[in-house]
Amino acid sequence: MNKNDAEYYYGIGKDIVPEGIFERFPELIPAVGESYYDCKGKHKKLLIIAESNYLPEVPEEESVFKDANKWYTGKNVALIPETIKDYFSNWKINNFGKGNMSKIIGEVLTDNHITHQDIGHEIAFYNYFLRPALNTGKGSYKNIEPEKIDYDVAGVALKEIISKLEPEVIVFASAKAYNAFTKYIDNDIPKSCSIHKVSHPSCAWWNRNGGAYGREKFKKILNDHYIIK
């Protein structure tokens, strides 16, 4: 079964979300590029994980995303508004963070003489928290305040995604998501997989101190762990 078919992820989290997490939210499955596996021995399998989707204020008849229990378990409720379903596609990796992460991945591949397609085809990309947060529109700052069920659903979903996609390198572009997941798994991660975090590319920390927490750290992670020497 194709890794970009929602059916590939069916059955995950049925003890929390009755019908299954990705049966309920098929739009939120990872985006898996065709060269994620077919990398011709040049680079490893890289999974990039961002924090969440962000929604403007929408009427409750269009989405119950502000109510955690209704979002995950409510019956006959509106989830993702039809008018913005495309926005939830994780294939937005090529524009993620205004292109900062994609640009650096491309530069590292080129520097190592690796021919590549658009970056979305080279990696897998996923948002950790499935329930979107409210985009208040206050500058570029966005924040999500997860509830217990958000943490539970996110943890079990990603753990099972890792077992299915078998990434060799995971990079979180969200400290909140990284901290939540590492606490959830309690370091129970496959030995063949290295897990890292960097600042989100749209925040000030991405370039602060010469990129020590974001830009340059990400580049070093790629060179040290993603590229096959």
Foldseek 3Di string as FASTA:
>chain_A
DDQLFLVVQFPFPCVQQVRGDCVLVVQQRKQEAQQLPVVVQFWFAEEEEEAFAADEDDDQQQDPLVDVCCQRHNDPGHHHGPVCSVVNHQLCVCCFLNNLLQVLVVVLCVVSVHDDDRSSNNYMYGYQFYRHHYDPVPPPDDDDDDDPSRLVSSQRSVVVVCVVSVGQEYEYQDPVSVVSNCVSCVPVDDPSHDYYYAHRSNDPCCCPPNRPRHRVVSSVCCVVGTTRD
